[in-house]
């Protein structure tokens, strides 16, 4: 995190850095709660929630990748987005239906693989909200 001092001396910069640390801790907690809430939804058997930065928009994005049955896709995406809004209201959120969540042999989610598939479309949607389809 970069702190830009606008006056108030070193004490103000230290205070801003501490506030940023608290904000990061809240985000981590809310992120964990979001994943737990998603796994409680009847339409979700597994999920991968990934946060990433979109520098061209100056914002972070939360993307929930959720395998959904075709007949549950629309309602499932709405439920996932509602959970994102409840838990991380200050962040852009997207729900992406996937066939499965790719994992390494150790069981870790292959976040880069998931994001590479959808970030270009998410960036376009965020830059042109009227183009988003649901």
Foldseek 3Di string as FASTA:
>chain_A
DDFDDPDDPPVVSVVVVVVVVVVVVLLVVLQVVLLVVLCPDPQFVHWDWDWDDDVVVPFIEIEIEGAGDPVCVVVSQVVSVVSCCVRPVVHHYGYHHDNDFDADPVRHTPVVVVCVVPVVVVVVCVVPVVPDDD
